[in-house]
Protein backbone atom coordinates (compact mmCIF):
# COMPACT_ATOMS: atom_id res chain seq x y z
CA MET A 1 0.00 0.00 0.00
CA HIS A 2 1.03 3.58 -0.70
CA PRO A 3 -0.69 6.95 -0.07
CA ASP A 4 -0.95 7.42 -3.86
CA GLN A 5 -3.58 4.66 -3.88
CA LEU A 6 -5.85 6.46 -1.43
CA VAL A 7 -8.90 8.58 -2.21
CA MET A 8 -10.55 10.65 0.53
CA PRO A 9 -14.33 11.24 0.27
CA TYR A 10 -15.76 14.56 1.44
CA PHE A 11 -19.26 15.94 2.00
CA VAL A 12 -19.66 19.55 0.89
CA GLN A 13 -22.58 21.88 1.55
CA ALA A 14 -23.50 25.51 0.99
CA GLY A 15 -22.43 28.28 3.34
CA ARG A 16 -19.26 29.66 4.88
CA LYS A 17 -17.24 28.56 7.91
CA VAL A 18 -19.31 25.36 8.07
CA LYS A 19 -17.70 22.29 9.59
CA THR A 20 -20.33 20.07 11.19
CA GLU A 21 -19.42 16.65 12.56
CA ILE A 22 -21.51 13.76 11.28
CA ASN A 23 -22.85 11.97 14.35
CA SER A 24 -22.97 8.55 12.70
CA MET A 25 -19.44 8.92 11.29
CA PRO A 26 -17.10 10.04 14.08
CA GLY A 27 -14.28 12.20 12.79
CA GLN A 28 -16.06 13.04 9.51
CA PHE A 29 -17.66 16.40 8.73
CA ARG A 30 -19.89 18.33 6.37
CA TYR A 31 -17.82 21.20 4.98
CA SER A 32 -18.57 24.44 3.21
CA PRO A 33 -16.14 25.10 0.33
CA ASP A 34 -13.97 27.50 2.37
CA THR A 35 -13.43 25.09 5.27
CA LEU A 36 -12.93 22.22 2.84
CA LEU A 37 -9.95 24.07 1.36
CA LYS A 38 -8.20 23.98 4.74
CA GLU A 39 -8.95 20.28 5.11
CA VAL A 40 -7.65 19.47 1.61
CA GLU A 41 -4.42 21.33 2.33
CA ALA A 42 -3.85 19.12 5.38
CA LEU A 43 -4.78 16.04 3.36
CA GLN A 44 -2.15 16.77 0.71
CA LYS A 45 0.49 17.23 3.39
CA SER A 46 -0.34 13.73 4.66
CA GLY A 47 0.48 12.33 1.21
CA VAL A 48 -3.03 11.83 -0.21
CA ASN A 49 -3.60 13.61 -3.51
CA SER A 50 -7.07 12.39 -4.60
CA ILE A 51 -10.50 13.34 -3.31
CA LEU A 52 -14.10 12.33 -4.09
CA LEU A 53 -16.80 14.97 -3.55
CA PHE A 54 -20.42 14.41 -2.51
CA GLY A 55 -22.80 17.35 -2.53
CA ILE A 56 -25.47 18.25 0.01
CA PRO A 57 -27.79 20.73 -1.73
CA ALA A 58 -29.74 23.54 -0.11
CA HIS A 59 -32.80 22.61 -2.19
CA LYS A 60 -34.23 19.29 -3.39
CA ASP A 61 -36.81 18.79 -6.14
CA SER A 62 -38.20 16.19 -8.55
CA THR A 63 -35.62 16.96 -11.26
CA ALA A 64 -32.50 17.10 -9.05
CA SER A 65 -31.87 20.57 -10.46
CA GLU A 66 -29.01 21.38 -8.07
CA ALA A 67 -27.16 18.26 -9.21
CA TRP A 68 -26.60 19.66 -12.70
CA SER A 69 -26.75 23.40 -12.05
CA SER A 70 -23.55 25.33 -12.76
CA LYS A 71 -24.16 26.97 -9.38
CA GLY A 72 -24.55 23.63 -7.56
CA ILE A 73 -22.54 23.02 -4.42
CA VAL A 74 -20.20 20.42 -5.97
CA GLN A 75 -19.56 22.70 -8.94
CA GLN A 76 -18.76 25.58 -6.59
CA ALA A 77 -16.41 23.43 -4.53
CA VAL A 78 -14.59 22.05 -7.57
CA ARG A 79 -13.92 25.54 -8.93
CA GLU A 80 -12.55 26.74 -5.59
CA ILE A 81 -10.41 23.66 -5.06
CA LYS A 82 -8.90 23.73 -8.56
CA LYS A 83 -7.98 27.40 -8.20
CA ARG A 84 -5.84 26.58 -5.18
CA PHE A 85 -4.70 23.00 -5.74
CA LYS A 86 -3.67 22.62 -9.37
CA ASP A 87 -2.20 19.13 -9.00
CA LEU A 88 -4.95 17.61 -6.82
CA LEU A 89 -7.00 14.87 -8.51
CA VAL A 90 -10.63 15.88 -8.02
CA MET A 91 -13.25 13.17 -8.49
CA THR A 92 -16.97 13.89 -8.26
CA ASP A 93 -19.80 11.54 -7.45
CA VAL A 94 -22.47 11.65 -10.15
CA CYS A 95 -25.83 10.67 -8.71
CA LEU A 96 -29.24 12.21 -8.07
CA CYS A 97 -30.32 10.75 -4.73
CA ALA A 98 -29.15 13.63 -2.50
CA TYR A 99 -30.77 16.14 -4.88
CA MET A 100 -34.12 14.42 -5.41
CA ASP A 101 -36.98 15.23 -3.04
CA HIS A 102 -37.79 11.50 -2.87
CA GLY A 103 -34.20 10.34 -2.24
CA HIS A 104 -33.83 7.89 -5.14
CA CYS A 105 -31.01 7.80 -7.68
CA GLY A 106 -33.26 8.35 -10.69
CA VAL A 107 -36.54 9.83 -11.87
CA LEU A 108 -39.63 8.19 -10.33
CA ASN A 109 -43.00 7.87 -12.06
CA ARG A 110 -46.26 8.04 -10.10
CA ALA A 111 -46.19 4.27 -9.59
CA GLY A 112 -42.86 4.58 -7.82
CA GLU A 113 -40.88 2.99 -10.64
CA ILE A 114 -37.52 4.26 -11.82
CA GLU A 115 -37.61 5.83 -15.28
CA ASN A 116 -34.20 4.68 -16.44
CA ASP A 117 -33.89 6.62 -19.71
CA LEU A 118 -35.19 9.89 -18.28
CA SER A 119 -32.65 9.54 -15.50
CA LEU A 120 -29.78 9.19 -17.99
CA GLU A 121 -30.34 12.70 -19.32
CA LEU A 122 -30.07 14.25 -15.85
CA LEU A 123 -27.02 12.16 -14.97
CA SER A 124 -25.25 13.18 -18.18
CA ARG A 125 -26.03 16.85 -17.53
CA THR A 126 -24.64 16.47 -14.02
CA ALA A 127 -21.41 14.88 -15.25
CA LEU A 128 -20.97 17.60 -17.87
CA SER A 129 -21.47 20.36 -15.31
CA HIS A 130 -18.80 18.78 -13.09
CA ALA A 131 -16.38 18.61 -16.02
CA GLU A 132 -17.09 22.24 -16.90
CA ALA A 133 -16.32 23.21 -13.29
CA GLY A 134 -12.91 21.52 -13.52
CA ALA A 135 -13.35 17.97 -12.23
CA ASP A 136 -10.67 15.52 -13.41
CA LEU A 137 -12.84 12.44 -13.15
CA VAL A 138 -16.57 11.75 -12.81
CA ALA A 139 -17.90 8.75 -10.91
CA PRO A 140 -21.49 7.70 -11.71
CA SER A 141 -22.94 5.81 -8.74
CA ASP A 142 -26.61 5.60 -9.70
CA MET A 143 -26.64 2.09 -11.26
CA MET A 144 -28.92 3.11 -14.14
CA ASP A 145 -28.47 1.00 -17.27
CA GLY A 146 -26.53 2.77 -20.01
CA ARG A 147 -25.27 5.64 -17.86
CA VAL A 148 -21.59 5.23 -18.80
CA LYS A 149 -22.34 5.27 -22.55
CA ASN A 150 -24.49 8.38 -22.21
CA ILE A 151 -22.05 10.24 -19.99
CA ARG A 152 -19.10 9.36 -22.23
CA GLY A 153 -21.02 10.57 -25.28
CA VAL A 154 -22.02 13.89 -23.71
CA LEU A 155 -18.51 14.55 -22.39
CA ASP A 156 -16.92 13.79 -25.77
CA GLN A 157 -19.43 15.91 -27.68
CA ASN A 158 -18.57 18.88 -25.47
CA GLY A 159 -14.80 18.61 -25.74
CA PHE A 160 -14.10 16.68 -22.53
CA GLN A 161 -12.57 13.57 -24.10
CA ASP A 162 -9.83 13.57 -21.46
CA ILE A 163 -12.18 13.47 -18.48
CA SER A 164 -12.10 9.95 -17.04
CA ILE A 165 -15.05 7.90 -15.81
CA MET A 166 -14.84 5.73 -12.71
CA SER A 167 -17.95 3.58 -12.71
CA TYR A 168 -19.59 2.23 -9.59
CA ALA A 169 -20.00 -0.89 -11.72
CA ALA A 170 -20.63 -3.39 -8.94
CA LYS A 171 -22.62 -1.42 -6.38
CA TYR A 172 -24.62 -3.66 -4.09
CA ALA A 173 -27.86 -2.90 -2.25
CA SER A 174 -26.06 -2.99 1.07
CA ALA A 175 -26.95 -2.44 4.70
CA PHE A 176 -23.54 -0.77 5.15
CA TYR A 177 -24.67 2.55 3.64
CA GLY A 178 -26.70 3.73 6.63
CA PRO A 179 -24.30 6.38 8.01
CA PHE A 180 -23.72 7.81 4.53
CA ARG A 181 -27.44 8.40 4.03
CA ASP A 182 -27.47 10.24 7.34
CA ALA A 183 -24.45 12.29 6.28
CA ALA A 184 -25.82 13.20 2.83
CA HIS A 185 -29.51 13.36 3.82
CA SER A 186 -30.20 10.94 0.96
CA ALA A 187 -32.47 8.27 2.44
CA PRO A 188 -35.66 7.58 0.42
CA ALA A 189 -38.58 9.66 1.69
CA SER A 190 -42.28 9.94 0.97
CA LYS A 191 -43.30 12.31 -1.84
CA GLY A 192 -46.95 13.31 -2.03
CA LYS A 193 -49.03 10.85 -4.06
CA ILE A 194 -45.99 9.13 -5.56
CA ARG A 195 -45.32 5.70 -4.14
CA VAL A 196 -41.69 5.90 -3.02
CA PRO A 197 -39.87 2.56 -2.65
CA LYS A 198 -38.24 2.23 0.76
CA ASP A 199 -35.00 0.84 -0.67
CA ARG A 200 -32.91 0.78 -3.85
CA LYS A 201 -33.03 -2.94 -4.55
CA THR A 202 -34.67 -2.49 -7.96
CA TYR A 203 -31.49 -0.94 -9.40
CA GLN A 204 -28.64 -1.73 -7.00
CA MET A 205 -27.35 -5.30 -7.00
CA ASP A 206 -28.45 -8.29 -4.93
CA PHE A 207 -25.67 -8.99 -2.43
CA ALA A 208 -25.97 -12.74 -3.11
CA ASN A 209 -25.07 -12.29 -6.79
CA LEU A 210 -21.47 -12.46 -8.02
CA ARG A 211 -22.00 -13.26 -11.71
CA GLU A 212 -24.14 -10.18 -12.34
CA ALA A 213 -21.30 -8.00 -11.09
CA MET A 214 -19.02 -9.38 -13.78
CA LYS A 215 -21.66 -8.64 -16.44
CA GLU A 216 -22.08 -5.08 -15.15
CA ILE A 217 -18.32 -4.47 -15.22
CA ALA A 218 -17.97 -5.87 -18.74
CA ILE A 219 -20.80 -3.65 -20.00
CA ASP A 220 -19.37 -0.52 -18.40
CA ILE A 221 -15.91 -1.14 -19.87
CA LYS A 222 -17.47 -1.58 -23.30
CA GLU A 223 -19.40 1.67 -22.85
CA GLY A 224 -16.23 3.62 -22.08
CA ALA A 225 -15.48 3.49 -18.35
CA ASP A 226 -11.80 3.87 -17.42
CA ILE A 227 -11.90 2.59 -13.83
CA MET A 228 -14.15 0.00 -12.20
CA MET A 229 -15.36 0.07 -8.62
CA VAL A 230 -16.70 -2.54 -6.22
CA LYS A 231 -18.80 -1.15 -3.35
CA PRO A 232 -18.82 -2.02 -0.45
CA ALA A 233 -15.44 -3.72 -0.03
CA LEU A 234 -15.02 -5.82 3.11
CA ALA A 235 -17.92 -8.22 2.52
CA TYR A 236 -17.16 -8.34 -1.23
CA LEU A 237 -13.50 -9.37 -1.40
CA ASP A 238 -14.48 -12.30 -3.63
CA VAL A 239 -16.06 -9.85 -6.09
CA ILE A 240 -12.88 -7.76 -6.10
CA ARG A 241 -10.76 -10.85 -6.71
CA GLU A 242 -12.99 -12.13 -9.52
CA ALA A 243 -12.97 -8.68 -11.16
CA ARG A 244 -9.18 -8.53 -10.95
CA ASN A 245 -8.89 -12.00 -12.50
CA ARG A 246 -11.19 -11.14 -15.41
CA PHE A 247 -10.50 -7.50 -16.26
CA ASP A 248 -7.24 -5.67 -16.92
CA VAL A 249 -8.39 -2.19 -15.86
CA PRO A 250 -7.75 -0.07 -12.76
CA LEU A 251 -9.94 -1.42 -9.96
CA ALA A 252 -11.23 0.67 -7.06
CA ALA A 253 -12.82 -0.53 -3.85
CA TYR A 254 -14.92 1.71 -1.62
CA LEU A 255 -14.70 1.13 2.14
CA VAL A 256 -18.11 2.60 2.88
CA SER A 257 -19.58 4.52 5.79
CA GLY A 258 -20.89 1.51 7.71
CA GLU A 259 -17.53 -0.23 7.51
CA TYR A 260 -15.84 2.94 8.75
CA SER A 261 -18.29 3.61 11.58
CA MET A 262 -18.12 0.05 12.95
CA ILE A 263 -14.36 0.33 13.28
CA LYS A 264 -14.58 3.77 14.90
CA ALA A 265 -17.21 2.55 17.37
CA ALA A 266 -15.20 -0.51 18.38
CA ALA A 267 -12.01 1.55 18.68
CA ALA A 268 -13.78 4.12 20.88
CA LYS A 269 -14.74 1.28 23.23
CA GLY A 270 -11.16 0.05 23.31
CA TRP A 271 -12.20 -3.26 21.78
CA VAL A 272 -9.83 -3.01 18.81
CA ASP A 273 -6.65 -1.18 17.88
CA GLU A 274 -7.87 1.19 15.14
CA LYS A 275 -4.51 1.55 13.37
CA ALA A 276 -3.87 -2.20 13.34
CA VAL A 277 -7.41 -3.12 12.22
CA VAL A 278 -7.62 -0.50 9.46
CA THR A 279 -4.20 -1.43 8.09
CA GLU A 280 -5.07 -5.14 8.09
CA ILE A 281 -8.41 -4.58 6.36
CA MET A 282 -6.91 -2.32 3.70
CA MET A 283 -4.14 -4.79 2.98
CA GLY A 284 -6.79 -7.48 2.56
CA VAL A 285 -8.57 -5.32 -0.02
CA VAL A 286 -5.31 -4.71 -1.88
CA ARG A 287 -4.46 -8.39 -1.70
CA ALA A 288 -7.86 -9.19 -3.21
CA GLY A 289 -6.94 -7.07 -6.23
CA ALA A 290 -7.93 -3.42 -5.72
CA ASN A 291 -5.31 -0.81 -6.56
CA ILE A 292 -7.43 2.26 -5.66
CA LEU A 293 -8.76 2.56 -2.10
CA ILE A 294 -11.61 4.99 -1.42
CA THR A 295 -11.86 5.31 2.33
CA TYR A 296 -12.72 7.76 5.11
CA HIS A 297 -9.59 6.48 6.84
CA ALA A 298 -7.40 7.87 4.02
CA ARG A 299 -5.75 10.72 5.90
CA ASP A 300 -4.96 8.61 8.97
CA LEU A 301 -3.87 5.65 6.89
CA ALA A 302 -1.44 7.76 4.88
CA LYS A 303 0.24 8.92 8.08
CA TRP A 304 0.43 5.37 9.38
CA LEU A 305 1.96 4.12 6.13
CA GLN A 306 4.65 6.77 6.31
């Protein structure tokens, strides 16, 4: 392992001088762009040079308008970060859940069904707006069919052929996402007369299914993705290993909020040695085949590695 492999996720929201700790994720915060700049400076000094941004909008609606607005919070943060940190690799999460008033990753019809193709247009607009703001890489996490092809096409048509795509290709419908949904205020919620599904199992993957993950990865590579991701990581080491055996592309693994929070809770009780446990888990993920590690432990892990 090396700090160059690490990616630090951040939650960014509107305002100034905002740094609010996330109760379900000890040691993690919601930042306004100005306070995030200070955090990123410290991150670079630790040896980590890649970040992944998640936006928390001031307004939600049925078209996720703040996801693709040029004035959206992620777009604002990217512009500020790139002004100050020219050599920082800035990745942006491309999804609609935190921006939709119903909390799902795509457009819902009145029956509560995802409208896949309508969702693709909004996702592509979001990715383009991130590229225009200065993002180096976009990371679609919605699990809509055809999203990579559509995003690649829109980016290319607008002169962003060099912007990479990291696809959440094997994203499982996992119970480990709970703290993230608290952090990003993205849990599904009731919406008037629309029947809102309580979970995302109709478009995220069944955690019992390995073969489907390989199909999803193969499709996304064919559609133009540059990097594949498996999410979560710890309970899916076999998926990471199978993906590494089959595909010769960069492979990311996301150590998600629930995995992070369990370790922090046990360490706070004195039941485990946080440094030893995190290092062992991360090495297991690398051993399984991942060469990019997206983790909330990134800053601490970089210091421990050095």
